[in-house]
């Protein structure tokens, strides 16, 4: 079967189909050789796709995604998670960021991740972010991570229910970086709907069997977050920033946050408020009894203390 025929066998020329031959090459060979061959397949497939799915034929996006994976060039920043009202660090969330050479192909890291969900490479991208998060944190604050502090690393629902998902890769990279799975919280991000609950739950069970904890991200903004809370029983629930915004002036938002806190209390999960920006929001959350949070407000507190 030639490359054109191989591409035609995937998803009626859909983006994931176009990328699948190159995805396999990158996973199997993993270096510039794979990238060179894989990009050639992509370029050939794009020519075939132009008349079929013009919405999904952005060659620049495909090439950049392949380059980011090949060059290992995703950067990571760390946002501290505090015990409220904010005097003690509970953990750090590793956040992926673009390198300086993105050239505006993707508007944001979220756009890149969303694009990767439409390809056969979403777990490859998540795994790269995972490895970089561990590698960079080991040289910064590994001594702080342990029983009292956790490192939160994002994994997409698309990765967890995808064919390429490998718990062994996560465990191996965790051990190689000098961490224990018990020190890592897998933060499940609902960028796509859970289409196979059985596979998804099996992946979560495998993570837990190796010692990882689970956080459900963006509660209140995902596709079916409350349903997943009941089915997965995560150790951490992260309230989306859309619920936090101006919560001190909005009784409905306050009621939602209180309801999530009750769910957390009943299930034994810790509730973490994301995206806290003002001291008024922070006070309102403390008054509700939410014990953990992260956001810009803590940067501002540090600046005011200087």
C-alpha atoms as a PDB file:
ATOM      1  CA  UNK A   1       0.000   0.000   0.000  1.00  0.00           C
ATOM      2  CA  UNK A   2       1.477   3.380  -0.968  1.00  0.00           C
ATOM      3  CA  UNK A   3       1.291   6.436   1.335  1.00  0.00           C
ATOM      4  CA  UNK A   4      -1.703   7.858  -0.493  1.00  0.00           C
ATOM      5  CA  UNK A   5      -3.637   4.613  -0.149  1.00  0.00           C
ATOM      6  CA  UNK A   6      -2.624   4.338   3.514  1.00  0.00           C
ATOM      7  CA  UNK A   7      -3.945   7.810   4.168  1.00  0.00           C
ATOM      8  CA  UNK A   8      -7.233   7.048   2.413  1.00  0.00           C
ATOM      9  CA  UNK A   9      -7.868   4.158   4.783  1.00  0.00           C
ATOM     10  CA  UNK A  10      -8.196   6.492   7.774  1.00  0.00           C
ATOM     11  CA  UNK A  11     -11.456   8.274   8.642  1.00  0.00           C
ATOM     12  CA  UNK A  12     -12.365   9.377   5.112  1.00  0.00           C
ATOM     13  CA  UNK A  13      -9.382  11.729   4.944  1.00  0.00           C
ATOM     14  CA  UNK A  14     -10.140  13.178   8.391  1.00  0.00           C
ATOM     15  CA  UNK A  15      -7.293  14.932  10.154  1.00  0.00           C
ATOM     16  CA  UNK A  16      -6.573  12.026  12.457  1.00  0.00           C
ATOM     17  CA  UNK A  17      -6.412   9.776   9.412  1.00  0.00           C
ATOM     18  CA  UNK A  18      -4.025  12.051   7.579  1.00  0.00           C
ATOM     19  CA  UNK A  19      -1.714  12.145  10.539  1.00  0.00           C
ATOM     20  CA  UNK A  20      -1.913   8.474  11.516  1.00  0.00           C
ATOM     21  CA  UNK A  21       0.922   7.171   9.248  1.00  0.00           C
ATOM     22  CA  UNK A  22       3.253   9.931  10.461  1.00  0.00           C
ATOM     23  CA  UNK A  23       2.129   9.396  14.048  1.00  0.00           C
ATOM     24  CA  UNK A  24       3.140   5.755  13.856  1.00  0.00           C
ATOM     25  CA  UNK A  25       6.537   6.666  12.424  1.00  0.00           C
ATOM     26  CA  UNK A  26       7.276   9.241  15.107  1.00  0.00           C
ATOM     27  CA  UNK A  27       6.294   6.806  17.857  1.00  0.00           C
ATOM     28  CA  UNK A  28       8.344   3.960  16.360  1.00  0.00           C
ATOM     29  CA  UNK A  29      11.476   5.882  15.361  1.00  0.00           C
ATOM     30  CA  UNK A  30      11.147   9.061  17.407  1.00  0.00           C
ATOM     31  CA  UNK A  31      13.836  11.190  15.756  1.00  0.00           C
ATOM     32  CA  UNK A  32      14.509  13.426  12.771  1.00  0.00           C
ATOM     33  CA  UNK A  33      14.273  10.398  10.463  1.00  0.00           C
ATOM     34  CA  UNK A  34      10.714   9.763  11.559  1.00  0.00           C
ATOM     35  CA  UNK A  35       9.852  13.434  11.330  1.00  0.00           C
ATOM     36  CA  UNK A  36      11.244  13.724   7.793  1.00  0.00           C
ATOM     37  CA  UNK A  37       9.391  10.663   6.520  1.00  0.00           C
ATOM     38  CA  UNK A  38       6.271  11.501   8.507  1.00  0.00           C
ATOM     39  CA  UNK A  39       6.064  15.073   7.274  1.00  0.00           C
ATOM     40  CA  UNK A  40       6.412  13.776   3.726  1.00  0.00           C
ATOM     41  CA  UNK A  41       3.386  11.553   4.292  1.00  0.00           C
ATOM     42  CA  UNK A  42       1.460  14.477   5.753  1.00  0.00           C
ATOM     43  CA  UNK A  43       2.281  16.713   2.796  1.00  0.00           C
ATOM     44  CA  UNK A  44       1.162  14.029   0.337  1.00  0.00           C
ATOM     45  CA  UNK A  45      -2.006  13.430   2.325  1.00  0.00           C
ATOM     46  CA  UNK A  46      -2.815  17.134   2.508  1.00  0.00           C
ATOM     47  CA  UNK A  47      -2.856  17.261  -1.302  1.00  0.00           C
ATOM     48  CA  UNK A  48      -5.417  14.455  -1.298  1.00  0.00           C
ATOM     49  CA  UNK A  49      -7.493  16.111   1.415  1.00  0.00           C
ATOM     50  CA  UNK A  50      -7.865  19.592  -0.056  1.00  0.00           C
ATOM     51  CA  UNK A  51     -11.028  18.851  -1.969  1.00  0.00           C
ATOM     52  CA  UNK A  52     -12.517  16.636   0.729  1.00  0.00           C
ATOM     53  CA  UNK A  53     -12.114  18.364   4.114  1.00  0.00           C
ATOM     54  CA  UNK A  54     -10.857  21.849   3.467  1.00  0.00           C
ATOM     55  CA  UNK A  55     -11.654  22.801   7.072  1.00  0.00           C
ATOM     56  CA  UNK A  56      -8.960  20.429   8.358  1.00  0.00           C
ATOM     57  CA  UNK A  57      -6.060  20.971   5.964  1.00  0.00           C
ATOM     58  CA  UNK A  58      -3.854  23.465   7.750  1.00  0.00           C
ATOM     59  CA  UNK A  59      -0.398  22.308   6.760  1.00  0.00           C
ATOM     60  CA  UNK A  60       1.357  24.833   8.985  1.00  0.00           C
ATOM     61  CA  UNK A  61      -0.422  23.451  12.052  1.00  0.00           C
ATOM     62  CA  UNK A  62       0.469  19.861  11.203  1.00  0.00           C
ATOM     63  CA  UNK A  63       4.095  20.697  10.553  1.00  0.00           C
ATOM     64  CA  UNK A  64       4.418  22.717  13.761  1.00  0.00           C
ATOM     65  CA  UNK A  65       2.882  19.939  15.843  1.00  0.00           C
ATOM     66  CA  UNK A  66       5.334  17.467  14.336  1.00  0.00           C
ATOM     67  CA  UNK A  67       8.236  19.819  14.945  1.00  0.00           C
ATOM     68  CA  UNK A  68       7.287  20.444  18.570  1.00  0.00           C
ATOM     69  CA  UNK A  69       7.207  16.706  19.190  1.00  0.00           C
ATOM     70  CA  UNK A  70      10.463  16.021  17.356  1.00  0.00           C
ATOM     71  CA  UNK A  71      12.395  18.901  18.927  1.00  0.00           C
ATOM     72  CA  UNK A  72      10.969  18.396  22.435  1.00  0.00           C
ATOM     73  CA  UNK A  73      10.265  22.107  22.567  1.00  0.00           C
ATOM     74  CA  UNK A  74       7.184  22.473  24.771  1.00  0.00           C
ATOM     75  CA  UNK A  75       8.005  24.685  27.753  1.00  0.00           C
ATOM     76  CA  UNK A  76       6.545  24.357  31.247  1.00  0.00           C
ATOM     77  CA  UNK A  77       5.668  26.819  33.987  1.00  0.00           C
ATOM     78  CA  UNK A  78       4.521  25.935  37.475  1.00  0.00           C
ATOM     79  CA  UNK A  79       1.582  27.515  39.275  1.00  0.00           C
ATOM     80  CA  UNK A  80       1.538  26.940  43.023  1.00  0.00           C
ATOM     81  CA  UNK A  81      -1.564  25.585  44.699  1.00  0.00           C
ATOM     82  CA  UNK A  82      -2.042  27.032  48.175  1.00  0.00           C
ATOM     83  CA  UNK A  83      -3.785  26.021  51.329  1.00  0.00           C
ATOM     84  CA  UNK A  84      -6.172  28.925  51.774  1.00  0.00           C
ATOM     85  CA  UNK A  85      -5.951  31.708  52.658  1.00  0.00           C
ATOM     86  CA  UNK A  86      -2.593  31.268  50.967  1.00  0.00           C
ATOM     87  CA  UNK A  87       0.261  30.968  53.427  1.00  0.00           C
ATOM     88  CA  UNK A  88       1.360  27.412  52.643  1.00  0.00           C
ATOM     89  CA  UNK A  89       2.077  25.751  49.285  1.00  0.00           C
ATOM     90  CA  UNK A  90       0.176  22.486  48.857  1.00  0.00           C
ATOM     91  CA  UNK A  91       1.478  21.600  45.403  1.00  0.00           C
ATOM     92  CA  UNK A  92       2.258  22.809  41.886  1.00  0.00           C
ATOM     93  CA  UNK A  93       0.362  22.505  38.633  1.00  0.00           C
ATOM     94  CA  UNK A  94       2.589  22.063  35.581  1.00  0.00           C
ATOM     95  CA  UNK A  95       1.268  24.211  32.718  1.00  0.00           C
ATOM     96  CA  UNK A  96       2.471  23.741  29.138  1.00  0.00           C
ATOM     97  CA  UNK A  97       3.584  26.830  27.241  1.00  0.00           C
ATOM     98  CA  UNK A  98       4.704  27.581  23.700  1.00  0.00           C
ATOM     99  CA  UNK A  99       8.350  28.120  22.886  1.00  0.00           C
ATOM    100  CA  UNK A 100       9.244  31.445  21.327  1.00  0.00           C
ATOM    101  CA  UNK A 101       9.142  30.063  17.778  1.00  0.00           C
ATOM    102  CA  UNK A 102       5.422  29.336  17.549  1.00  0.00           C
ATOM    103  CA  UNK A 103       5.134  32.058  14.870  1.00  0.00           C
ATOM    104  CA  UNK A 104       1.455  32.552  15.618  1.00  0.00           C
ATOM    105  CA  UNK A 105       0.394  29.270  13.969  1.00  0.00           C
ATOM    106  CA  UNK A 106      -1.669  28.480  17.056  1.00  0.00           C
ATOM    107  CA  UNK A 107      -3.359  31.250  18.999  1.00  0.00           C
ATOM    108  CA  UNK A 108      -2.682  29.570  22.350  1.00  0.00           C
ATOM    109  CA  UNK A 109      -1.442  26.367  23.918  1.00  0.00           C
ATOM    110  CA  UNK A 110      -5.103  25.424  24.321  1.00  0.00           C
ATOM    111  CA  UNK A 111      -5.540  25.723  20.552  1.00  0.00           C
ATOM    112  CA  UNK A 112      -2.586  23.402  20.008  1.00  0.00           C
ATOM    113  CA  UNK A 113      -3.975  20.864  22.459  1.00  0.00           C
ATOM    114  CA  UNK A 114      -7.420  21.047  20.862  1.00  0.00           C
ATOM    115  CA  UNK A 115      -5.842  20.518  17.440  1.00  0.00           C
ATOM    116  CA  UNK A 116      -3.887  17.522  18.753  1.00  0.00           C
ATOM    117  CA  UNK A 117      -7.170  15.983  19.910  1.00  0.00           C
ATOM    118  CA  UNK A 118      -8.192  15.827  16.243  1.00  0.00           C
ATOM    119  CA  UNK A 119      -5.046  13.907  15.277  1.00  0.00           C
ATOM    120  CA  UNK A 120      -3.505  10.587  16.200  1.00  0.00           C
ATOM    121  CA  UNK A 121      -0.914  12.434  18.275  1.00  0.00           C
ATOM    122  CA  UNK A 122      -2.747  13.648  21.356  1.00  0.00           C
ATOM    123  CA  UNK A 123      -1.086  11.202  23.749  1.00  0.00           C
ATOM    124  CA  UNK A 124       2.309  11.915  22.180  1.00  0.00           C
ATOM    125  CA  UNK A 125       1.806  15.593  22.992  1.00  0.00           C
ATOM    126  CA  UNK A 126       0.512  14.870  26.495  1.00  0.00           C
ATOM    127  CA  UNK A 127       3.460  12.529  27.113  1.00  0.00           C
ATOM    128  CA  UNK A 128       5.924  15.189  25.973  1.00  0.00           C
ATOM    129  CA  UNK A 129       4.338  17.712  28.355  1.00  0.00           C
ATOM    130  CA  UNK A 130       4.400  15.065  31.117  1.00  0.00           C
ATOM    131  CA  UNK A 131       8.105  14.324  30.648  1.00  0.00           C
ATOM    132  CA  UNK A 132       9.055  17.991  30.494  1.00  0.00           C
ATOM    133  CA  UNK A 133       6.999  18.784  33.591  1.00  0.00           C
ATOM    134  CA  UNK A 134       8.851  16.096  35.538  1.00  0.00           C
ATOM    135  CA  UNK A 135      12.273  16.886  34.127  1.00  0.00           C
ATOM    136  CA  UNK A 136      12.127  20.619  34.799  1.00  0.00           C
ATOM    137  CA  UNK A 137      10.532  20.322  38.225  1.00  0.00           C
ATOM    138  CA  UNK A 138      13.139  17.828  39.411  1.00  0.00           C
ATOM    139  CA  UNK A 139      15.774  20.548  39.208  1.00  0.00           C
ATOM    140  CA  UNK A 140      13.603  23.243  40.818  1.00  0.00           C
ATOM    141  CA  UNK A 141      11.664  21.882  43.729  1.00  0.00           C
ATOM    142  CA  UNK A 142      11.771  18.090  43.782  1.00  0.00           C
ATOM    143  CA  UNK A 143      12.816  18.230  47.429  1.00  0.00           C
ATOM    144  CA  UNK A 144       9.515  19.974  48.175  1.00  0.00           C
ATOM    145  CA  UNK A 145       7.401  17.301  46.481  1.00  0.00           C
ATOM    146  CA  UNK A 146       6.399  14.425  48.701  1.00  0.00           C
ATOM    147  CA  UNK A 147       3.886  13.679  51.407  1.00  0.00           C
ATOM    148  CA  UNK A 148       3.011  17.340  51.946  1.00  0.00           C
ATOM    149  CA  UNK A 149       3.196  18.633  48.368  1.00  0.00           C
ATOM    150  CA  UNK A 150       2.035  17.193  45.057  1.00  0.00           C
ATOM    151  CA  UNK A 151       2.848  17.798  41.410  1.00  0.00           C
ATOM    152  CA  UNK A 152      -0.268  18.098  39.223  1.00  0.00           C
ATOM    153  CA  UNK A 153       0.198  17.176  35.528  1.00  0.00           C
ATOM    154  CA  UNK A 154      -2.562  17.422  32.934  1.00  0.00           C
ATOM    155  CA  UNK A 155      -3.704  14.496  30.790  1.00  0.00           C
ATOM    156  CA  UNK A 156      -6.553  14.815  28.304  1.00  0.00           C
ATOM    157  CA  UNK A 157      -9.612  12.601  28.247  1.00  0.00           C
ATOM    158  CA  UNK A 158      -8.695  11.992  24.605  1.00  0.00           C
ATOM    159  CA  UNK A 159      -5.364  10.479  25.656  1.00  0.00           C
ATOM    160  CA  UNK A 160      -6.897   8.293  28.328  1.00  0.00           C
ATOM    161  CA  UNK A 161      -9.355   6.691  25.914  1.00  0.00           C
ATOM    162  CA  UNK A 162      -7.033   6.617  22.899  1.00  0.00           C
ATOM    163  CA  UNK A 163      -5.333   3.567  21.430  1.00  0.00           C
ATOM    164  CA  UNK A 164      -1.839   4.960  21.946  1.00  0.00           C
ATOM    165  CA  UNK A 165      -2.259   5.558  25.707  1.00  0.00           C
ATOM    166  CA  UNK A 166       0.485   3.798  27.682  1.00  0.00           C
ATOM    167  CA  UNK A 167       0.531   3.706  31.456  1.00  0.00           C
ATOM    168  CA  UNK A 168       3.990   2.124  31.234  1.00  0.00           C
ATOM    169  CA  UNK A 169       5.366   5.246  29.517  1.00  0.00           C
ATOM    170  CA  UNK A 170       3.999   7.459  32.297  1.00  0.00           C
ATOM    171  CA  UNK A 171       5.386   5.223  35.031  1.00  0.00           C
ATOM    172  CA  UNK A 172       8.775   4.895  33.340  1.00  0.00           C
ATOM    173  CA  UNK A 173       9.202   8.625  32.810  1.00  0.00           C
ATOM    174  CA  UNK A 174       8.071   9.317  36.388  1.00  0.00           C
ATOM    175  CA  UNK A 175      10.643   6.917  37.810  1.00  0.00           C
ATOM    176  CA  UNK A 176      13.390   8.182  35.501  1.00  0.00           C
ATOM    177  CA  UNK A 177      12.809  11.725  36.746  1.00  0.00           C
ATOM    178  CA  UNK A 178      13.258  10.572  40.329  1.00  0.00           C
ATOM    179  CA  UNK A 179       9.613  10.894  41.399  1.00  0.00           C
ATOM    180  CA  UNK A 180       7.234   8.365  42.871  1.00  0.00           C
ATOM    181  CA  UNK A 181       3.745   7.934  41.368  1.00  0.00           C
ATOM    182  CA  UNK A 182       2.329   8.722  44.816  1.00  0.00           C
ATOM    183  CA  UNK A 183       3.751  12.225  44.473  1.00  0.00           C
ATOM    184  CA  UNK A 184       1.971  12.888  41.169  1.00  0.00           C
ATOM    185  CA  UNK A 185      -1.650  13.903  40.606  1.00  0.00           C
ATOM    186  CA  UNK A 186      -2.986  13.169  37.125  1.00  0.00           C
ATOM    187  CA  UNK A 187      -5.199  16.130  36.300  1.00  0.00           C
ATOM    188  CA  UNK A 188      -7.849  14.922  33.859  1.00  0.00           C
ATOM    189  CA  UNK A 189      -8.842  17.678  31.445  1.00  0.00           C
ATOM    190  CA  UNK A 190     -12.112  17.353  29.496  1.00  0.00           C
ATOM    191  CA  UNK A 191     -11.093  18.803  26.155  1.00  0.00           C
ATOM    192  CA  UNK A 192     -13.193  16.159  24.411  1.00  0.00           C
ATOM    193  CA  UNK A 193     -16.218  14.172  25.496  1.00  0.00           C
ATOM    194  CA  UNK A 194     -15.634  10.756  27.022  1.00  0.00           C
ATOM    195  CA  UNK A 195     -16.833   8.493  24.215  1.00  0.00           C
ATOM    196  CA  UNK A 196     -15.836   5.154  25.767  1.00  0.00           C
ATOM    197  CA  UNK A 197     -16.465   5.156  29.488  1.00  0.00           C
ATOM    198  CA  UNK A 198     -15.219   1.581  29.816  1.00  0.00           C
ATOM    199  CA  UNK A 199     -11.797   2.326  28.318  1.00  0.00           C
ATOM    200  CA  UNK A 200     -11.613   5.615  30.190  1.00  0.00           C
ATOM    201  CA  UNK A 201     -12.350   3.993  33.550  1.00  0.00           C
ATOM    202  CA  UNK A 202      -9.847   1.216  32.840  1.00  0.00           C
ATOM    203  CA  UNK A 203      -7.135   3.816  32.181  1.00  0.00           C
ATOM    204  CA  UNK A 204      -7.964   5.614  35.436  1.00  0.00           C
ATOM    205  CA  UNK A 205      -7.896   2.285  37.321  1.00  0.00           C
ATOM    206  CA  UNK A 206      -4.445   1.516  35.870  1.00  0.00           C
ATOM    207  CA  UNK A 207      -3.174   4.930  36.984  1.00  0.00           C
ATOM    208  CA  UNK A 208      -4.429   4.370  40.510  1.00  0.00           C
ATOM    209  CA  UNK A 209      -3.034   0.831  40.644  1.00  0.00           C
ATOM    210  CA  UNK A 210       0.437   2.317  40.127  1.00  0.00           C
ATOM    211  CA  UNK A 211      -0.029   4.898  42.876  1.00  0.00           C
ATOM    212  CA  UNK A 212      -1.107   8.023  40.985  1.00  0.00           C
ATOM    213  CA  UNK A 213      -3.928  10.193  42.348  1.00  0.00           C
ATOM    214  CA  UNK A 214      -6.572  11.717  40.079  1.00  0.00           C
ATOM    215  CA  UNK A 215      -7.950  15.244  39.826  1.00  0.00           C
ATOM    216  CA  UNK A 216     -10.934  16.217  37.690  1.00  0.00           C
ATOM    217  CA  UNK A 217     -10.164  19.589  36.116  1.00  0.00           C
ATOM    218  CA  UNK A 218     -12.491  22.471  35.202  1.00  0.00           C
ATOM    219  CA  UNK A 219     -15.478  21.236  37.168  1.00  0.00           C
ATOM    220  CA  UNK A 220     -18.427  23.281  35.975  1.00  0.00           C
ATOM    221  CA  UNK A 221     -17.097  23.802  32.458  1.00  0.00           C
ATOM    222  CA  UNK A 222     -16.618  20.306  31.011  1.00  0.00           C
ATOM    223  CA  UNK A 223     -18.927  18.057  29.042  1.00  0.00           C
ATOM    224  CA  UNK A 224     -20.178  15.785  31.806  1.00  0.00           C
ATOM    225  CA  UNK A 225     -18.061  16.562  34.843  1.00  0.00           C
ATOM    226  CA  UNK A 226     -20.640  15.766  37.536  1.00  0.00           C
ATOM    227  CA  UNK A 227     -21.300  12.391  35.941  1.00  0.00           C
ATOM    228  CA  UNK A 228     -17.573  11.680  35.939  1.00  0.00           C
ATOM    229  CA  UNK A 229     -17.306  12.648  39.609  1.00  0.00           C
ATOM    230  CA  UNK A 230     -19.784   9.923  40.479  1.00  0.00           C
ATOM    231  CA  UNK A 231     -18.132   7.351  38.229  1.00  0.00           C
ATOM    232  CA  UNK A 232     -14.462   8.071  38.902  1.00  0.00           C
ATOM    233  CA  UNK A 233     -14.449   9.314  42.515  1.00  0.00           C
ATOM    234  CA  UNK A 234     -11.389  11.548  41.976  1.00  0.00           C
ATOM    235  CA  UNK A 235      -9.191  12.513  44.897  1.00  0.00           C
ATOM    236  CA  UNK A 236      -9.296  16.189  43.830  1.00  0.00           C
ATOM    237  CA  UNK A 237     -12.012  18.377  42.315  1.00  0.00           C
ATOM    238  CA  UNK A 238     -10.883  21.587  40.604  1.00  0.00           C
ATOM    239  CA  UNK A 239     -13.502  24.310  40.321  1.00  0.00           C
ATOM    240  CA  UNK A 240     -13.316  26.110  36.995  1.00  0.00           C
ATOM    241  CA  UNK A 241     -12.356  29.774  37.022  1.00  0.00           C
ATOM    242  CA  UNK A 242     -15.692  30.671  35.390  1.00  0.00           C
ATOM    243  CA  UNK A 243     -17.369  29.700  38.665  1.00  0.00           C
ATOM    244  CA  UNK A 244     -14.827  31.630  40.741  1.00  0.00           C
ATOM    245  CA  UNK A 245     -15.063  34.908  38.825  1.00  0.00           C
ATOM    246  CA  UNK A 246     -16.759  37.569  40.985  1.00  0.00           C
ATOM    247  CA  UNK A 247     -18.137  34.834  43.233  1.00  0.00           C
ATOM    248  CA  UNK A 248     -18.436  37.325  46.093  1.00  0.00           C
ATOM    249  CA  UNK A 249     -21.172  39.171  44.141  1.00  0.00           C
ATOM    250  CA  UNK A 250     -23.012  36.191  42.649  1.00  0.00           C
ATOM    251  CA  UNK A 251     -25.161  33.979  44.853  1.00  0.00           C
ATOM    252  CA  UNK A 252     -25.607  31.372  42.108  1.00  0.00           C
ATOM    253  CA  UNK A 253     -21.857  30.930  41.648  1.00  0.00           C
ATOM    254  CA  UNK A 254     -21.497  30.762  45.407  1.00  0.00           C
ATOM    255  CA  UNK A 255     -24.203  28.077  45.562  1.00  0.00           C
ATOM    256  CA  UNK A 256     -22.468  26.046  42.855  1.00  0.00           C
ATOM    257  CA  UNK A 257     -19.146  26.218  44.681  1.00  0.00           C
ATOM    258  CA  UNK A 258     -20.844  25.222  47.930  1.00  0.00           C
ATOM    259  CA  UNK A 259     -22.519  22.263  46.208  1.00  0.00           C
ATOM    260  CA  UNK A 260     -19.172  21.066  44.837  1.00  0.00           C
ATOM    261  CA  UNK A 261     -17.688  21.411  48.318  1.00  0.00           C
ATOM    262  CA  UNK A 262     -20.463  19.193  49.692  1.00  0.00           C
ATOM    263  CA  UNK A 263     -19.763  16.635  46.962  1.00  0.00           C
ATOM    264  CA  UNK A 264     -16.103  16.746  47.898  1.00  0.00           C
ATOM    265  CA  UNK A 265     -16.905  16.259  51.565  1.00  0.00           C
ATOM    266  CA  UNK A 266     -19.155  13.275  50.787  1.00  0.00           C
ATOM    267  CA  UNK A 267     -16.649  11.631  48.437  1.00  0.00           C
ATOM    268  CA  UNK A 268     -13.496  12.470  50.370  1.00  0.00           C
ATOM    269  CA  UNK A 269     -12.141  14.669  47.592  1.00  0.00           C
ATOM    270  CA  UNK A 270     -10.223  17.896  48.155  1.00  0.00           C
ATOM    271  CA  UNK A 271     -11.755  20.896  46.340  1.00  0.00           C
ATOM    272  CA  UNK A 272      -9.358  23.325  44.657  1.00  0.00           C
ATOM    273  CA  UNK A 273     -10.531  26.694  43.322  1.00  0.00           C
ATOM    274  CA  UNK A 274      -8.785  27.721  40.084  1.00  0.00           C
ATOM    275  CA  UNK A 275      -8.160  31.179  38.721  1.00  0.00           C
ATOM    276  CA  UNK A 276      -8.614  33.244  41.872  1.00  0.00           C
ATOM    277  CA  UNK A 277      -7.806  36.801  40.831  1.00  0.00           C
ATOM    278  CA  UNK A 278      -8.915  39.119  43.630  1.00  0.00           C
ATOM    279  CA  UNK A 279      -8.771  39.219  47.399  1.00  0.00           C
ATOM    280  CA  UNK A 280     -12.577  39.522  47.420  1.00  0.00           C
ATOM    281  CA  UNK A 281     -12.902  36.218  45.562  1.00  0.00           C
ATOM    282  CA  UNK A 282     -10.378  34.658  47.927  1.00  0.00           C
ATOM    283  CA  UNK A 283     -12.289  35.812  50.998  1.00  0.00           C
ATOM    284  CA  UNK A 284     -15.592  34.510  49.607  1.00  0.00           C
ATOM    285  CA  UNK A 285     -14.046  31.093  48.956  1.00  0.00           C
ATOM    286  CA  UNK A 286     -12.529  30.960  52.434  1.00  0.00           C
ATOM    287  CA  UNK A 287     -15.901  31.883  53.915  1.00  0.00           C
ATOM    288  CA  UNK A 288     -17.463  28.957  52.016  1.00  0.00           C
ATOM    289  CA  UNK A 289     -14.890  26.616  53.523  1.00  0.00           C
ATOM    290  CA  UNK A 290     -12.881  25.823  50.402  1.00  0.00           C
ATOM    291  CA  UNK A 291      -9.408  24.949  51.614  1.00  0.00           C
ATOM    292  CA  UNK A 292      -7.254  25.057  48.464  1.00  0.00           C
ATOM    293  CA  UNK A 293      -6.790  27.494  45.609  1.00  0.00           C
ATOM    294  CA  UNK A 294      -4.542  28.856  42.885  1.00  0.00           C
ATOM    295  CA  UNK A 295      -4.427  31.966  40.756  1.00  0.00           C
ATOM    296  CA  UNK A 296      -3.163  35.468  40.160  1.00  0.00           C
ATOM    297  CA  UNK A 297      -4.223  36.751  43.574  1.00  0.00           C
ATOM    298  CA  UNK A 298      -1.293  34.963  45.222  1.00  0.00           C
ATOM    299  CA  UNK A 299       1.174  36.675  42.876  1.00  0.00           C
ATOM    300  CA  UNK A 300      -0.359  39.995  43.859  1.00  0.00           C
ATOM    301  CA  UNK A 301      -0.065  39.153  47.549  1.00  0.00           C
ATOM    302  CA  UNK A 302       3.618  38.372  47.066  1.00  0.00           C
ATOM    303  CA  UNK A 303       4.165  41.652  45.241  1.00  0.00           C
ATOM    304  CA  UNK A 304       2.440  43.625  47.987  1.00  0.00           C
ATOM    305  CA  UNK A 305       4.624  41.984  50.622  1.00  0.00           C
ATOM    306  CA  UNK A 306       7.818  43.143  48.898  1.00  0.00           C
END
